[in-house]
N, C-alpha and C. Protein backbone atom coordinates (compact mmCIF):
# COMPACT_ATOMS: atom_id res chain seq x y z
N MET A 1 -6.30 -4.86 -17.23
CA MET A 1 -6.53 -5.61 -16.35
C MET A 1 -6.04 -4.81 -15.13
N TYR A 2 -7.33 -5.28 -13.73
CA TYR A 2 -6.51 -4.86 -12.57
C TYR A 2 -6.96 -5.17 -11.14
N ALA A 3 -6.06 -5.31 -10.24
CA ALA A 3 -6.31 -6.11 -9.45
C ALA A 3 -6.59 -5.48 -7.86
N VAL A 4 -7.56 -6.12 -6.95
CA VAL A 4 -7.51 -5.36 -5.73
C VAL A 4 -6.49 -5.88 -4.69
N ILE A 5 -5.45 -5.69 -4.11
CA ILE A 5 -4.19 -5.79 -3.26
C ILE A 5 -4.85 -5.76 -2.23
N ARG A 6 -4.47 -6.33 -0.63
CA ARG A 6 -4.50 -6.20 0.69
C ARG A 6 -3.55 -6.12 1.45
N THR A 7 -2.60 -5.50 2.07
CA THR A 7 -0.86 -5.15 2.94
C THR A 7 -1.21 -3.67 3.29
N GLY A 8 -0.97 -4.31 4.67
CA GLY A 8 -0.72 -3.43 6.13
C GLY A 8 -2.29 -2.87 6.54
N GLY A 9 -3.16 -3.92 5.97
CA GLY A 9 -4.41 -3.90 6.61
C GLY A 9 -5.79 -2.95 5.58
N LYS A 10 -4.78 -2.28 4.71
CA LYS A 10 -5.60 -1.70 4.01
C LYS A 10 -5.51 -2.71 2.67
N GLN A 11 -6.77 -2.05 2.17
CA GLN A 11 -7.19 -3.02 0.40
C GLN A 11 -6.61 -1.75 -0.60
N TYR A 12 -6.23 -2.27 -2.16
CA TYR A 12 -5.64 -0.61 -2.85
C TYR A 12 -6.04 -1.46 -4.37
N ARG A 13 -7.02 -0.68 -5.14
CA ARG A 13 -6.88 -0.98 -6.28
C ARG A 13 -6.24 -0.65 -7.91
N VAL A 14 -5.33 -1.57 -8.20
CA VAL A 14 -3.52 -1.52 -8.43
C VAL A 14 -3.87 -2.01 -10.10
N ALA A 15 -3.46 -1.47 -11.48
CA ALA A 15 -3.07 -1.75 -12.38
C ALA A 15 -1.73 -2.00 -12.62
N GLU A 16 -1.21 -2.00 -13.89
CA GLU A 16 -0.01 -2.58 -14.41
C GLU A 16 0.73 -0.95 -14.58
N GLY A 17 1.85 -0.29 -13.88
CA GLY A 17 1.98 0.98 -13.76
C GLY A 17 2.20 1.71 -13.12
N ASP A 18 1.06 1.87 -12.24
CA ASP A 18 0.30 2.43 -10.86
C ASP A 18 1.56 2.58 -9.98
N VAL A 19 1.85 3.57 -9.71
CA VAL A 19 2.33 3.82 -8.23
C VAL A 19 1.87 4.46 -6.92
N LEU A 20 2.17 3.38 -6.21
CA LEU A 20 0.96 3.71 -4.51
C LEU A 20 2.09 3.57 -3.66
N ARG A 21 1.67 4.35 -2.48
CA ARG A 21 2.21 4.36 -1.20
C ARG A 21 1.74 3.66 -0.27
N ILE A 22 2.21 2.98 0.60
CA ILE A 22 1.65 1.23 1.54
C ILE A 22 2.24 1.39 2.71
N GLU A 23 1.75 0.77 3.32
CA GLU A 23 2.63 0.94 4.60
C GLU A 23 3.55 0.39 4.06
N LYS A 24 4.70 0.51 5.96
CA LYS A 24 6.05 -0.06 5.20
C LYS A 24 6.33 -1.54 5.28
N ILE A 25 7.13 -1.58 3.84
CA ILE A 25 7.12 -3.56 3.93
C ILE A 25 9.18 -3.25 4.00
N ALA A 26 9.65 -4.99 4.59
CA ALA A 26 11.22 -5.11 4.20
C ALA A 26 11.12 -5.03 2.39
N GLY A 27 12.71 -4.08 2.47
CA GLY A 27 13.10 -4.56 0.93
C GLY A 27 13.50 -3.16 0.78
N ASP A 28 14.49 -3.41 -0.22
CA ASP A 28 15.63 -2.50 -0.35
C ASP A 28 15.13 -1.98 -1.13
N ILE A 29 15.88 -0.09 -1.86
CA ILE A 29 15.23 0.43 -3.34
C ILE A 29 15.37 -1.08 -4.01
N GLY A 30 14.83 -0.97 -5.30
CA GLY A 30 15.00 -1.13 -6.53
C GLY A 30 14.55 -3.08 -6.50
N THR A 31 14.60 -3.49 -5.16
CA THR A 31 14.06 -5.18 -5.16
C THR A 31 13.12 -5.38 -5.52
N GLU A 32 12.35 -6.24 -6.17
CA GLU A 32 10.70 -6.77 -6.37
C GLU A 32 10.21 -7.61 -5.03
N VAL A 33 8.99 -6.81 -4.89
CA VAL A 33 8.07 -7.24 -3.52
C VAL A 33 7.29 -7.93 -4.46
N SER A 34 6.19 -9.21 -3.81
CA SER A 34 5.09 -9.97 -4.60
C SER A 34 4.28 -9.86 -3.37
N PHE A 35 2.78 -9.76 -3.70
CA PHE A 35 1.93 -9.50 -3.21
C PHE A 35 1.19 -10.57 -3.49
N THR A 36 0.71 -11.51 -2.78
CA THR A 36 -0.07 -12.57 -3.19
C THR A 36 -1.78 -12.54 -2.32
N ASP A 37 -1.57 -11.54 -1.63
CA ASP A 37 -3.32 -11.68 -1.07
C ASP A 37 -3.84 -10.15 -1.99
N ILE A 38 -4.17 -11.29 -3.16
CA ILE A 38 -5.74 -10.94 -4.13
C ILE A 38 -6.42 -10.97 -3.79
N LEU A 39 -7.60 -10.11 -3.56
CA LEU A 39 -8.82 -10.06 -3.25
C LEU A 39 -9.93 -9.91 -4.65
N LEU A 40 -9.25 -9.51 -6.01
CA LEU A 40 -10.48 -9.27 -7.02
C LEU A 40 -8.91 -8.99 -7.90
N LEU A 41 -9.16 -10.18 -9.18
CA LEU A 41 -8.55 -9.58 -10.27
C LEU A 41 -9.60 -9.67 -11.54
N GLY A 42 -9.81 -8.45 -12.40
CA GLY A 42 -10.45 -7.80 -13.68
C GLY A 42 -9.98 -7.61 -14.59
N GLY A 43 -10.34 -7.20 -16.14
CA GLY A 43 -10.07 -6.76 -17.20
C GLY A 43 -11.24 -6.95 -17.80
N THR A 44 -11.10 -7.35 -19.02
CA THR A 44 -11.59 -7.14 -20.09
C THR A 44 -12.75 -8.92 -19.76
N ASP A 45 -12.29 -9.55 -19.00
CA ASP A 45 -12.90 -10.87 -19.27
C ASP A 45 -14.06 -10.21 -17.61
N SER A 46 -14.56 -11.63 -16.90
CA SER A 46 -15.45 -11.41 -16.40
C SER A 46 -14.40 -11.86 -14.87
N PRO A 47 -14.66 -10.87 -13.65
CA PRO A 47 -13.77 -10.63 -12.86
C PRO A 47 -13.68 -11.54 -12.04
N LYS A 48 -12.58 -12.17 -11.57
CA LYS A 48 -12.54 -13.52 -10.45
C LYS A 48 -12.88 -12.51 -9.17
N VAL A 49 -13.37 -12.99 -8.18
CA VAL A 49 -13.69 -12.72 -6.57
C VAL A 49 -13.10 -13.53 -6.14
N GLY A 50 -12.80 -13.50 -4.78
CA GLY A 50 -11.60 -14.82 -4.05
C GLY A 50 -12.48 -14.98 -3.00
N ARG A 51 -12.71 -15.94 -2.54
CA ARG A 51 -13.41 -16.18 -1.00
C ARG A 51 -12.32 -16.96 -0.34
N PRO A 52 -11.71 -16.00 0.01
CA PRO A 52 -11.47 -14.65 0.50
C PRO A 52 -10.16 -14.36 -0.18
N THR A 53 -9.69 -15.29 -1.11
CA THR A 53 -8.22 -14.49 -2.20
C THR A 53 -8.28 -15.31 -2.93
N VAL A 54 -7.89 -14.93 -4.16
CA VAL A 54 -7.95 -15.72 -5.40
C VAL A 54 -6.50 -16.79 -5.34
N ALA A 55 -6.70 -17.55 -5.56
CA ALA A 55 -5.66 -18.65 -6.12
C ALA A 55 -4.77 -18.92 -6.62
N GLY A 56 -3.45 -18.75 -6.47
CA GLY A 56 -3.06 -18.89 -7.72
C GLY A 56 -2.33 -17.37 -8.40
N ALA A 57 -3.14 -15.99 -8.26
CA ALA A 57 -2.56 -14.56 -8.04
C ALA A 57 -1.45 -14.64 -7.38
N ARG A 58 -0.79 -13.04 -8.35
CA ARG A 58 0.03 -12.69 -7.92
C ARG A 58 0.11 -11.25 -8.72
N VAL A 59 0.35 -9.95 -7.34
CA VAL A 59 0.97 -9.11 -8.26
C VAL A 59 2.45 -8.23 -7.93
N VAL A 60 3.22 -8.09 -9.17
CA VAL A 60 4.64 -8.02 -8.89
C VAL A 60 4.81 -6.46 -8.59
N GLY A 61 5.70 -6.10 -7.98
CA GLY A 61 6.34 -4.44 -8.04
C GLY A 61 7.80 -4.59 -7.76
N LYS A 62 7.65 -3.16 -7.90
CA LYS A 62 8.80 -2.44 -7.82
C LYS A 62 9.66 -1.58 -6.43
N VAL A 63 10.16 -1.24 -5.54
CA VAL A 63 10.55 -0.80 -4.91
C VAL A 63 11.12 0.64 -5.27
N LEU A 64 10.36 1.25 -5.29
CA LEU A 64 10.92 2.75 -5.17
C LEU A 64 11.50 4.00 -4.31
N ALA A 65 11.01 3.58 -2.92
CA ALA A 65 11.58 4.92 -2.12
C ALA A 65 10.89 3.97 -1.43
N GLN A 66 11.93 4.27 0.36
CA GLN A 66 11.79 3.93 1.50
C GLN A 66 11.49 5.74 2.22
N ASP A 67 10.38 5.79 2.82
CA ASP A 67 10.59 7.27 3.28
C ASP A 67 8.94 6.91 4.62
N LYS A 68 9.20 8.88 5.00
CA LYS A 68 8.52 9.16 5.79
C LYS A 68 6.86 9.69 5.42
N HIS A 69 6.13 9.90 5.64
CA HIS A 69 4.73 10.82 5.36
C HIS A 69 5.77 12.39 6.48
N ARG A 70 4.48 13.35 5.15
CA ARG A 70 4.29 14.49 5.98
C ARG A 70 4.35 14.79 7.34
N ARG A 71 4.61 15.57 8.32
CA ARG A 71 4.39 15.45 9.81
C ARG A 71 3.12 16.06 10.43
N VAL A 72 2.71 15.12 10.96
CA VAL A 72 0.61 15.45 11.40
C VAL A 72 0.77 15.98 13.00
N LEU A 73 0.67 16.83 13.07
CA LEU A 73 0.63 17.86 14.90
C LEU A 73 -0.23 17.12 14.93
N ASN A 74 0.01 17.45 16.65
CA ASN A 74 -0.92 17.67 17.56
C ASN A 74 -1.15 18.49 18.67
N PHE A 75 -1.62 19.35 18.56
CA PHE A 75 -1.18 20.66 19.61
C PHE A 75 -3.06 20.52 20.33
N ARG A 76 -2.60 20.32 21.24
CA ARG A 76 -3.29 20.42 22.82
C ARG A 76 -3.32 22.08 23.70
N LYS A 77 -4.27 22.63 23.64
CA LYS A 77 -4.41 24.08 24.22
C LYS A 77 -4.88 23.54 25.48
N GLU A 78 -4.91 24.07 27.35
CA GLU A 78 -5.91 24.14 27.72
C GLU A 78 -5.66 25.23 28.78
N LYS A 79 -7.44 25.70 29.16
CA LYS A 79 -7.87 27.05 29.53
C LYS A 79 -6.86 27.01 31.07
N GLU A 80 -5.78 26.71 31.84
CA GLU A 80 -5.29 26.42 32.84
C GLU A 80 -3.89 27.60 32.02
N GLY A 81 -3.43 27.20 30.75
CA GLY A 81 -2.29 27.79 30.40
C GLY A 81 -1.48 26.99 29.70
N TRP A 82 -1.94 25.84 30.18
CA TRP A 82 -0.54 24.64 29.29
C TRP A 82 -1.18 24.83 28.02
N THR A 83 0.12 23.72 27.67
CA THR A 83 0.29 22.89 26.03
C THR A 83 0.89 21.97 25.85
N ARG A 84 0.05 21.06 25.26
CA ARG A 84 1.36 20.46 24.41
C ARG A 84 1.30 20.20 22.97
N ARG A 85 2.21 19.94 23.01
CA ARG A 85 2.50 19.38 21.50
C ARG A 85 3.37 18.45 20.53
N ARG A 86 2.28 17.22 20.12
CA ARG A 86 3.68 16.20 19.67
C ARG A 86 2.90 15.94 17.82
N GLY A 87 4.76 15.01 17.29
CA GLY A 87 4.19 15.19 16.02
C GLY A 87 4.45 13.80 15.90
N HIS A 88 4.11 13.28 14.48
CA HIS A 88 4.22 12.14 14.76
C HIS A 88 4.94 11.80 12.42
N ARG A 89 5.44 11.17 12.26
CA ARG A 89 6.00 11.16 10.87
C ARG A 89 5.57 9.02 10.45
N GLN A 90 5.02 9.20 9.70
CA GLN A 90 4.17 7.54 9.35
C GLN A 90 5.25 6.72 8.75
N PRO A 91 6.16 5.94 8.43
CA PRO A 91 6.71 5.19 7.53
C PRO A 91 6.10 4.85 6.23
N TYR A 92 5.88 4.40 4.68
CA TYR A 92 6.19 4.13 4.11
C TYR A 92 6.39 3.83 2.98
N THR A 93 6.51 2.81 2.26
CA THR A 93 6.99 2.50 0.39
C THR A 93 6.33 2.87 -0.48
N GLU A 94 7.26 3.05 -1.13
CA GLU A 94 6.52 3.73 -2.60
C GLU A 94 6.93 2.17 -3.55
N VAL A 95 5.64 1.97 -4.24
CA VAL A 95 6.44 0.78 -5.35
C VAL A 95 5.30 1.02 -6.46
N LYS A 96 6.06 0.74 -7.42
CA LYS A 96 5.45 0.46 -8.81
C LYS A 96 5.47 -0.74 -9.58
N VAL A 97 3.76 -0.98 -9.83
CA VAL A 97 3.61 -2.34 -10.01
C VAL A 97 3.83 -2.86 -11.22
N THR A 98 4.59 -3.86 -11.94
CA THR A 98 5.31 -4.24 -12.72
C THR A 98 5.08 -5.26 -13.47
N SER A 99 3.50 -6.26 -12.70
CA SER A 99 2.80 -7.37 -14.17
C SER A 99 1.79 -7.97 -12.60
N ILE A 100 0.46 -8.49 -13.45
CA ILE A 100 -0.53 -8.80 -12.66
C ILE A 100 -1.15 -9.72 -13.62
N SER A 101 -0.67 -11.31 -12.85
CA SER A 101 -0.73 -12.37 -13.57
C SER A 101 -1.43 -13.28 -12.40
N GLY A 102 -2.66 -14.07 -13.16
CA GLY A 102 -3.33 -14.92 -11.99
C GLY A 102 -4.18 -16.11 -13.17
């Protein structure tokens, strides 16, 4: 069984046992998180498509890590001879999907 969930303004296709990196959500390492914004449930039967979400569907996951991505650098060089270097590291949450119910 698989599901399409929406979190952090993005959509993810997940199945049981998948590990995914999503936008940072509150929760300590080892705690369970629940996603109720399910857009589609699929599997062996005919898929259930939500309008806009599937009622009563839930995806439960376990928080594996709270970390930051690699640094993204922005380097700007102008012809007058000055430069500017800026960096950014986006925080994320790593989640392992444990169950999908619908």
